Amino acid sequence: LTFRGGKGVATGAGVMLAIAPGPALIAVLVWIGLLVLLGRSSVASLVAAGAMVVAVVLLQPAVLPVAGLLAVGVGATHTGNLRRLVDGTEAPVITPIRRGGVPAAADPAELLRRGPAGAGATPAGWGREE
């Protein structure tokens, strides 16, 4: 994983865990679920920020100004990610779970054949010796 961002979202989550633990835990679960399903932290962060606001309105409306400000901040700092999502160039941070089970490439023999780059360009001495 090569994270270049996420510090703002993590800090906001920490603040919300301190002042509104219930809504914060809901948002964290939304973030984890979307990250696993989609593989894109930016989408997970944006939707979790929205879920946080909804959960705060329902469970702890007194902290709505803080949750709203954090959600606006998350949205404002993810404009580049939104642009890349629309363009189709936003890279996933993890391999998302696909329906239909484990992909065929998870077969150990297939992984060895593909090599570390995953494209069949196996370096000398890596994999099967001939």
N, C-alpha and C. Protein backbone atom coordinates (compact mmCIF):
# COMPACT_ATOMS: atom_id res chain seq x y z
N LEU A 1 0.84 -1.19 0.00
CA LEU A 1 0.00 0.00 0.00
C LEU A 1 0.88 1.24 0.00
N THR A 2 0.55 2.17 -0.85
CA THR A 2 1.32 3.41 -0.92
C THR A 2 0.38 4.58 -0.69
N PHE A 3 0.08 4.83 0.57
CA PHE A 3 -0.82 5.92 0.90
C PHE A 3 -0.07 7.24 0.86
N ARG A 4 -0.62 8.21 0.15
CA ARG A 4 -0.06 9.55 0.15
C ARG A 4 -0.96 10.49 0.93
N GLY A 5 -2.19 10.08 1.15
CA GLY A 5 -3.12 10.94 1.87
C GLY A 5 -3.76 10.19 3.02
N GLY A 6 -4.95 10.63 3.39
CA GLY A 6 -5.69 9.93 4.42
C GLY A 6 -5.50 10.48 5.82
N LYS A 7 -4.52 11.36 5.97
CA LYS A 7 -4.27 11.88 7.32
C LYS A 7 -5.42 12.75 7.81
N GLY A 8 -6.01 13.51 6.94
CA GLY A 8 -7.14 14.36 7.32
C GLY A 8 -8.37 13.54 7.70
N VAL A 9 -8.66 12.52 6.91
CA VAL A 9 -9.80 11.66 7.20
C VAL A 9 -9.57 10.92 8.52
N ALA A 10 -8.36 10.42 8.71
CA ALA A 10 -8.04 9.70 9.95
C ALA A 10 -8.12 10.62 11.16
N THR A 11 -7.64 11.84 11.03
CA THR A 11 -7.71 12.80 12.13
C THR A 11 -9.16 13.14 12.44
N GLY A 12 -9.95 13.38 11.40
CA GLY A 12 -11.37 13.67 11.59
C GLY A 12 -12.10 12.51 12.25
N ALA A 13 -11.75 11.30 11.85
CA ALA A 13 -12.37 10.12 12.46
C ALA A 13 -12.00 10.04 13.94
N GLY A 14 -10.77 10.37 14.26
CA GLY A 14 -10.35 10.36 15.66
C GLY A 14 -11.09 11.39 16.49
N VAL A 15 -11.27 12.58 15.93
CA VAL A 15 -12.03 13.63 16.63
C VAL A 15 -13.46 13.16 16.86
N MET A 16 -14.07 12.60 15.82
CA MET A 16 -15.45 12.16 15.95
C MET A 16 -15.58 10.98 16.91
N LEU A 17 -14.59 10.09 16.95
CA LEU A 17 -14.63 9.00 17.91
C LEU A 17 -14.63 9.53 19.34
N ALA A 18 -13.94 10.66 19.56
CA ALA A 18 -13.88 11.24 20.90
C ALA A 18 -15.18 11.93 21.28
N ILE A 19 -15.83 12.61 20.33
CA ILE A 19 -17.02 13.40 20.71
C ILE A 19 -18.34 12.72 20.35
N ALA A 20 -18.31 11.78 19.42
CA ALA A 20 -19.54 11.08 19.02
C ALA A 20 -19.19 9.66 18.60
N PRO A 21 -18.89 8.78 19.57
CA PRO A 21 -18.41 7.45 19.23
C PRO A 21 -19.37 6.61 18.40
N GLY A 22 -20.67 6.67 18.68
CA GLY A 22 -21.64 5.87 17.92
C GLY A 22 -21.64 6.21 16.45
N PRO A 23 -21.88 7.47 16.09
CA PRO A 23 -21.84 7.85 14.68
C PRO A 23 -20.48 7.59 14.03
N ALA A 24 -19.41 7.79 14.79
CA ALA A 24 -18.07 7.57 14.24
C ALA A 24 -17.86 6.09 13.90
N LEU A 25 -18.32 5.21 14.77
CA LEU A 25 -18.18 3.78 14.50
C LEU A 25 -19.00 3.36 13.28
N ILE A 26 -20.17 3.95 13.13
CA ILE A 26 -20.98 3.68 11.93
C ILE A 26 -20.21 4.11 10.68
N ALA A 27 -19.62 5.30 10.72
CA ALA A 27 -18.86 5.80 9.57
C ALA A 27 -17.64 4.93 9.29
N VAL A 28 -16.98 4.47 10.33
CA VAL A 28 -15.81 3.59 10.14
C VAL A 28 -16.24 2.28 9.48
N LEU A 29 -17.36 1.73 9.91
CA LEU A 29 -17.85 0.49 9.30
C LEU A 29 -18.22 0.71 7.83
N VAL A 30 -18.82 1.86 7.52
CA VAL A 30 -19.13 2.19 6.13
C VAL A 30 -17.84 2.28 5.32
N TRP A 31 -16.83 2.95 5.89
CA TRP A 31 -15.55 3.12 5.19
C TRP A 31 -14.92 1.76 4.91
N ILE A 32 -14.86 0.90 5.93
CA ILE A 32 -14.25 -0.42 5.76
C ILE A 32 -15.01 -1.23 4.71
N GLY A 33 -16.33 -1.23 4.81
CA GLY A 33 -17.15 -1.99 3.86
C GLY A 33 -16.94 -1.55 2.42
N LEU A 34 -16.93 -0.24 2.20
CA LEU A 34 -16.75 0.26 0.84
C LEU A 34 -15.33 0.05 0.33
N LEU A 35 -14.34 0.17 1.23
CA LEU A 35 -12.97 -0.09 0.81
C LEU A 35 -12.81 -1.54 0.36
N VAL A 36 -13.38 -2.46 1.11
CA VAL A 36 -13.28 -3.87 0.75
C VAL A 36 -14.04 -4.16 -0.54
N LEU A 37 -15.21 -3.56 -0.71
CA LEU A 37 -16.01 -3.82 -1.90
C LEU A 37 -15.48 -3.13 -3.15
N LEU A 38 -15.01 -1.90 -3.01
CA LEU A 38 -14.62 -1.11 -4.17
C LEU A 38 -13.12 -0.96 -4.35
N GLY A 39 -12.38 -1.05 -3.24
CA GLY A 39 -10.94 -0.91 -3.32
C GLY A 39 -10.44 0.52 -3.37
N ARG A 40 -11.33 1.48 -3.37
CA ARG A 40 -10.94 2.89 -3.49
C ARG A 40 -11.22 3.64 -2.19
N SER A 41 -10.16 4.08 -1.57
CA SER A 41 -10.27 4.77 -0.29
C SER A 41 -10.99 6.11 -0.44
N SER A 42 -10.81 6.76 -1.58
CA SER A 42 -11.45 8.06 -1.77
C SER A 42 -12.97 7.94 -1.76
N VAL A 43 -13.50 6.95 -2.45
CA VAL A 43 -14.96 6.74 -2.46
C VAL A 43 -15.43 6.39 -1.06
N ALA A 44 -14.68 5.50 -0.40
CA ALA A 44 -15.04 5.10 0.96
C ALA A 44 -15.04 6.30 1.91
N SER A 45 -14.06 7.17 1.77
CA SER A 45 -13.97 8.35 2.64
C SER A 45 -15.12 9.33 2.40
N LEU A 46 -15.43 9.56 1.15
CA LEU A 46 -16.51 10.51 0.83
C LEU A 46 -17.86 10.00 1.32
N VAL A 47 -18.15 8.73 1.08
CA VAL A 47 -19.43 8.16 1.50
C VAL A 47 -19.49 8.06 3.03
N ALA A 48 -18.37 7.69 3.66
CA ALA A 48 -18.34 7.60 5.12
C ALA A 48 -18.55 8.97 5.76
N ALA A 49 -18.03 10.02 5.14
CA ALA A 49 -18.26 11.37 5.67
C ALA A 49 -19.74 11.72 5.61
N GLY A 50 -20.40 11.36 4.53
CA GLY A 50 -21.84 11.57 4.43
C GLY A 50 -22.61 10.73 5.43
N ALA A 51 -22.18 9.48 5.61
CA ALA A 51 -22.83 8.60 6.59
C ALA A 51 -22.65 9.15 7.99
N MET A 52 -21.51 9.75 8.24
CA MET A 52 -21.25 10.35 9.56
C MET A 52 -22.26 11.46 9.84
N VAL A 53 -22.48 12.30 8.86
CA VAL A 53 -23.43 13.40 9.05
C VAL A 53 -24.83 12.85 9.33
N VAL A 54 -25.26 11.87 8.56
CA VAL A 54 -26.58 11.28 8.76
C VAL A 54 -26.67 10.65 10.15
N ALA A 55 -25.64 9.90 10.54
CA ALA A 55 -25.65 9.25 11.85
C ALA A 55 -25.66 10.28 12.98
N VAL A 56 -24.95 11.37 12.80
CA VAL A 56 -24.93 12.43 13.82
C VAL A 56 -26.31 13.07 13.93
N VAL A 57 -26.95 13.34 12.80
CA VAL A 57 -28.30 13.93 12.83
C VAL A 57 -29.25 13.02 13.59
N LEU A 58 -29.13 11.72 13.38
CA LEU A 58 -30.04 10.78 14.03
C LEU A 58 -29.69 10.48 15.48
N LEU A 59 -28.41 10.47 15.82
CA LEU A 59 -27.99 10.01 17.14
C LEU A 59 -27.47 11.10 18.08
N GLN A 60 -26.77 12.09 17.55
CA GLN A 60 -26.18 13.13 18.38
C GLN A 60 -26.20 14.47 17.66
N PRO A 61 -27.38 15.05 17.48
CA PRO A 61 -27.47 16.29 16.69
C PRO A 61 -26.66 17.46 17.25
N ALA A 62 -26.28 17.42 18.50
CA ALA A 62 -25.53 18.53 19.08
C ALA A 62 -24.15 18.71 18.44
N VAL A 63 -23.60 17.64 17.86
CA VAL A 63 -22.27 17.74 17.25
C VAL A 63 -22.36 17.88 15.73
N LEU A 64 -23.53 18.20 15.22
CA LEU A 64 -23.70 18.36 13.76
C LEU A 64 -22.77 19.42 13.16
N PRO A 65 -22.56 20.56 13.81
CA PRO A 65 -21.63 21.53 13.20
C PRO A 65 -20.22 20.96 12.96
N VAL A 66 -19.73 20.17 13.91
CA VAL A 66 -18.40 19.58 13.75
C VAL A 66 -18.42 18.53 12.63
N ALA A 67 -19.41 17.65 12.64
CA ALA A 67 -19.51 16.62 11.61
C ALA A 67 -19.69 17.24 10.23
N GLY A 68 -20.50 18.27 10.14
CA GLY A 68 -20.71 18.94 8.86
C GLY A 68 -19.44 19.59 8.35
N LEU A 69 -18.71 20.24 9.24
CA LEU A 69 -17.45 20.87 8.83
C LEU A 69 -16.44 19.83 8.36
N LEU A 70 -16.36 18.72 9.08
CA LEU A 70 -15.45 17.65 8.66
C LEU A 70 -15.86 17.07 7.30
N ALA A 71 -17.16 16.87 7.09
CA ALA A 71 -17.63 16.32 5.81
C ALA A 71 -17.32 17.28 4.66
N VAL A 72 -17.51 18.56 4.89
CA VAL A 72 -17.18 19.55 3.85
C VAL A 72 -15.68 19.52 3.56
N GLY A 73 -14.88 19.40 4.61
CA GLY A 73 -13.43 19.31 4.43
C GLY A 73 -13.02 18.09 3.63
N VAL A 74 -13.64 16.96 3.93
CA VAL A 74 -13.33 15.73 3.18
C VAL A 74 -13.71 15.91 1.71
N GLY A 75 -14.88 16.48 1.46
CA GLY A 75 -15.30 16.72 0.08
C GLY A 75 -14.37 17.66 -0.66
N ALA A 76 -13.97 18.73 0.03
CA ALA A 76 -13.10 19.73 -0.60
C ALA A 76 -11.72 19.17 -0.92
N THR A 77 -11.21 18.31 -0.06
CA THR A 77 -9.87 17.78 -0.29
C THR A 77 -9.85 16.59 -1.25
N HIS A 78 -11.02 16.10 -1.63
CA HIS A 78 -11.07 14.96 -2.54
C HIS A 78 -11.53 15.34 -3.95
N THR A 79 -11.45 16.62 -4.30
CA THR A 79 -11.89 17.02 -5.64
C THR A 79 -11.05 16.36 -6.74
N GLY A 80 -9.75 16.24 -6.51
CA GLY A 80 -8.88 15.57 -7.49
C GLY A 80 -9.25 14.11 -7.65
N ASN A 81 -9.58 13.47 -6.53
CA ASN A 81 -10.00 12.06 -6.58
C ASN A 81 -11.30 11.93 -7.35
N LEU A 82 -12.23 12.85 -7.12
CA LEU A 82 -13.50 12.81 -7.84
C LEU A 82 -13.27 12.95 -9.34
N ARG A 83 -12.36 13.84 -9.72
CA ARG A 83 -12.05 14.02 -11.14
C ARG A 83 -11.48 12.73 -11.73
N ARG A 84 -10.55 12.09 -10.99
CA ARG A 84 -9.97 10.84 -11.48
C ARG A 84 -11.01 9.72 -11.53
N LEU A 85 -11.95 9.71 -10.59
CA LEU A 85 -13.01 8.70 -10.62
C LEU A 85 -13.86 8.85 -11.87
N VAL A 86 -14.21 10.09 -12.19
CA VAL A 86 -15.02 10.35 -13.39
C VAL A 86 -14.24 9.98 -14.65
N ASP A 87 -12.94 10.29 -14.65
CA ASP A 87 -12.10 9.97 -15.81
C ASP A 87 -11.77 8.48 -15.91
N GLY A 88 -11.99 7.74 -14.81
CA GLY A 88 -11.66 6.33 -14.80
C GLY A 88 -10.19 6.05 -14.54
N THR A 89 -9.48 7.03 -13.96
CA THR A 89 -8.05 6.85 -13.73
C THR A 89 -7.70 6.73 -12.25
N GLU A 90 -8.68 6.72 -11.37
CA GLU A 90 -8.43 6.59 -9.93
C GLU A 90 -8.05 5.15 -9.63
N ALA A 91 -6.84 4.96 -9.14
CA ALA A 91 -6.35 3.61 -8.85
C ALA A 91 -6.87 3.12 -7.51
N PRO A 92 -7.20 1.85 -7.42
CA PRO A 92 -7.61 1.30 -6.12
C PRO A 92 -6.39 1.17 -5.20
N VAL A 93 -6.63 1.25 -3.88
CA VAL A 93 -5.55 1.06 -2.93
C VAL A 93 -5.44 -0.40 -2.50
N ILE A 94 -6.51 -1.17 -2.68
CA ILE A 94 -6.48 -2.60 -2.44
C ILE A 94 -7.27 -3.27 -3.57
N THR A 95 -7.09 -4.55 -3.74
CA THR A 95 -7.87 -5.29 -4.72
C THR A 95 -9.25 -5.53 -4.12
N PRO A 96 -10.29 -5.01 -4.77
CA PRO A 96 -11.63 -5.19 -4.22
C PRO A 96 -12.10 -6.63 -4.32
N ILE A 97 -13.05 -6.97 -3.46
CA ILE A 97 -13.67 -8.29 -3.50
C ILE A 97 -14.63 -8.31 -4.68
N ARG A 98 -14.54 -9.34 -5.47
CA ARG A 98 -15.44 -9.50 -6.62
C ARG A 98 -16.46 -10.58 -6.31
N ARG A 99 -17.64 -10.43 -6.87
CA ARG A 99 -18.64 -11.50 -6.73
C ARG A 99 -18.19 -12.71 -7.51
N GLY A 100 -18.58 -13.89 -7.03
CA GLY A 100 -18.26 -15.11 -7.75
C GLY A 100 -17.05 -15.83 -7.20
N GLY A 101 -16.57 -15.42 -6.05
CA GLY A 101 -15.49 -16.15 -5.40
C GLY A 101 -14.11 -15.62 -5.74
N VAL A 102 -13.14 -16.45 -5.46
CA VAL A 102 -11.74 -16.09 -5.64
C VAL A 102 -11.39 -16.12 -7.12
N PRO A 103 -10.67 -15.11 -7.63
CA PRO A 103 -10.30 -15.12 -9.04
C PRO A 103 -9.34 -16.27 -9.35
N ALA A 104 -9.34 -16.70 -10.61
CA ALA A 104 -8.50 -17.82 -11.03
C ALA A 104 -7.03 -17.53 -10.80
N ALA A 105 -6.63 -16.25 -10.83
CA ALA A 105 -5.23 -15.89 -10.65
C ALA A 105 -4.75 -16.19 -9.24
N ALA A 106 -5.64 -16.52 -8.31
CA ALA A 106 -5.23 -16.84 -6.96
C ALA A 106 -4.64 -18.25 -6.88
N ASP A 107 -4.74 -19.03 -7.95
CA ASP A 107 -4.13 -20.35 -8.00
C ASP A 107 -2.61 -20.18 -7.90
N PRO A 108 -1.95 -20.85 -6.94
CA PRO A 108 -0.50 -20.64 -6.76
C PRO A 108 0.32 -20.88 -8.02
N ALA A 109 -0.03 -21.91 -8.80
CA ALA A 109 0.73 -22.18 -10.03
C ALA A 109 0.58 -21.02 -11.02
N GLU A 110 -0.62 -20.46 -11.09
CA GLU A 110 -0.84 -19.33 -12.00
C GLU A 110 -0.08 -18.10 -11.52
N LEU A 111 -0.05 -17.86 -10.22
CA LEU A 111 0.70 -16.73 -9.69
C LEU A 111 2.20 -16.88 -9.97
N LEU A 112 2.73 -18.10 -9.82
CA LEU A 112 4.13 -18.33 -10.14
C LEU A 112 4.41 -18.10 -11.62
N ARG A 113 3.48 -18.54 -12.47
CA ARG A 113 3.67 -18.34 -13.92
C ARG A 113 3.68 -16.86 -14.26
N ARG A 114 2.82 -16.10 -13.62
CA ARG A 114 2.73 -14.67 -13.92
C ARG A 114 3.90 -13.87 -13.37
N GLY A 115 4.45 -14.31 -12.27
CA GLY A 115 5.58 -13.59 -11.68
C GLY A 115 5.14 -12.41 -10.85
N PRO A 116 6.10 -11.69 -10.25
CA PRO A 116 5.77 -10.61 -9.33
C PRO A 116 5.07 -9.43 -9.99
N ALA A 117 5.30 -9.20 -11.28
CA ALA A 117 4.64 -8.10 -11.97
C ALA A 117 3.22 -8.45 -12.38
N GLY A 118 2.88 -9.75 -12.35
CA GLY A 118 1.54 -10.18 -12.68
C GLY A 118 1.23 -10.20 -14.15
N ALA A 119 2.22 -9.97 -14.99
CA ALA A 119 1.95 -9.89 -16.42
C ALA A 119 2.67 -10.96 -17.24
N GLY A 120 3.24 -11.93 -16.58
CA GLY A 120 3.92 -12.98 -17.32
C GLY A 120 5.39 -12.70 -17.57
N ALA A 121 5.88 -11.55 -17.15
CA ALA A 121 7.28 -11.20 -17.33
C ALA A 121 8.05 -11.68 -16.11
N THR A 122 8.28 -13.00 -16.04
CA THR A 122 8.93 -13.58 -14.89
C THR A 122 10.44 -13.33 -14.96
N PRO A 123 11.01 -12.73 -13.92
CA PRO A 123 12.46 -12.50 -13.92
C PRO A 123 13.23 -13.82 -13.89
N ALA A 124 14.46 -13.78 -14.37
CA ALA A 124 15.30 -14.98 -14.37
C ALA A 124 15.46 -15.49 -12.95
N GLY A 125 15.34 -16.80 -12.79
CA GLY A 125 15.50 -17.40 -11.48
C GLY A 125 14.27 -17.35 -10.60
N TRP A 126 13.19 -16.82 -11.10
CA TRP A 126 11.96 -16.70 -10.31
C TRP A 126 10.95 -17.69 -10.85
N GLY A 127 10.44 -18.56 -10.04
CA GLY A 127 9.45 -19.52 -10.51
C GLY A 127 10.06 -20.85 -10.85
N ARG A 128 9.55 -21.47 -11.90
CA ARG A 128 9.98 -22.80 -12.30
C ARG A 128 11.35 -22.76 -12.95
N GLU A 129 12.22 -23.67 -12.53
CA GLU A 129 13.54 -23.79 -13.16
C GLU A 129 13.42 -24.73 -14.36
N GLU A 130 14.05 -24.38 -15.44
CA GLU A 130 13.97 -25.21 -16.64
C GLU A 130 15.30 -25.77 -17.01
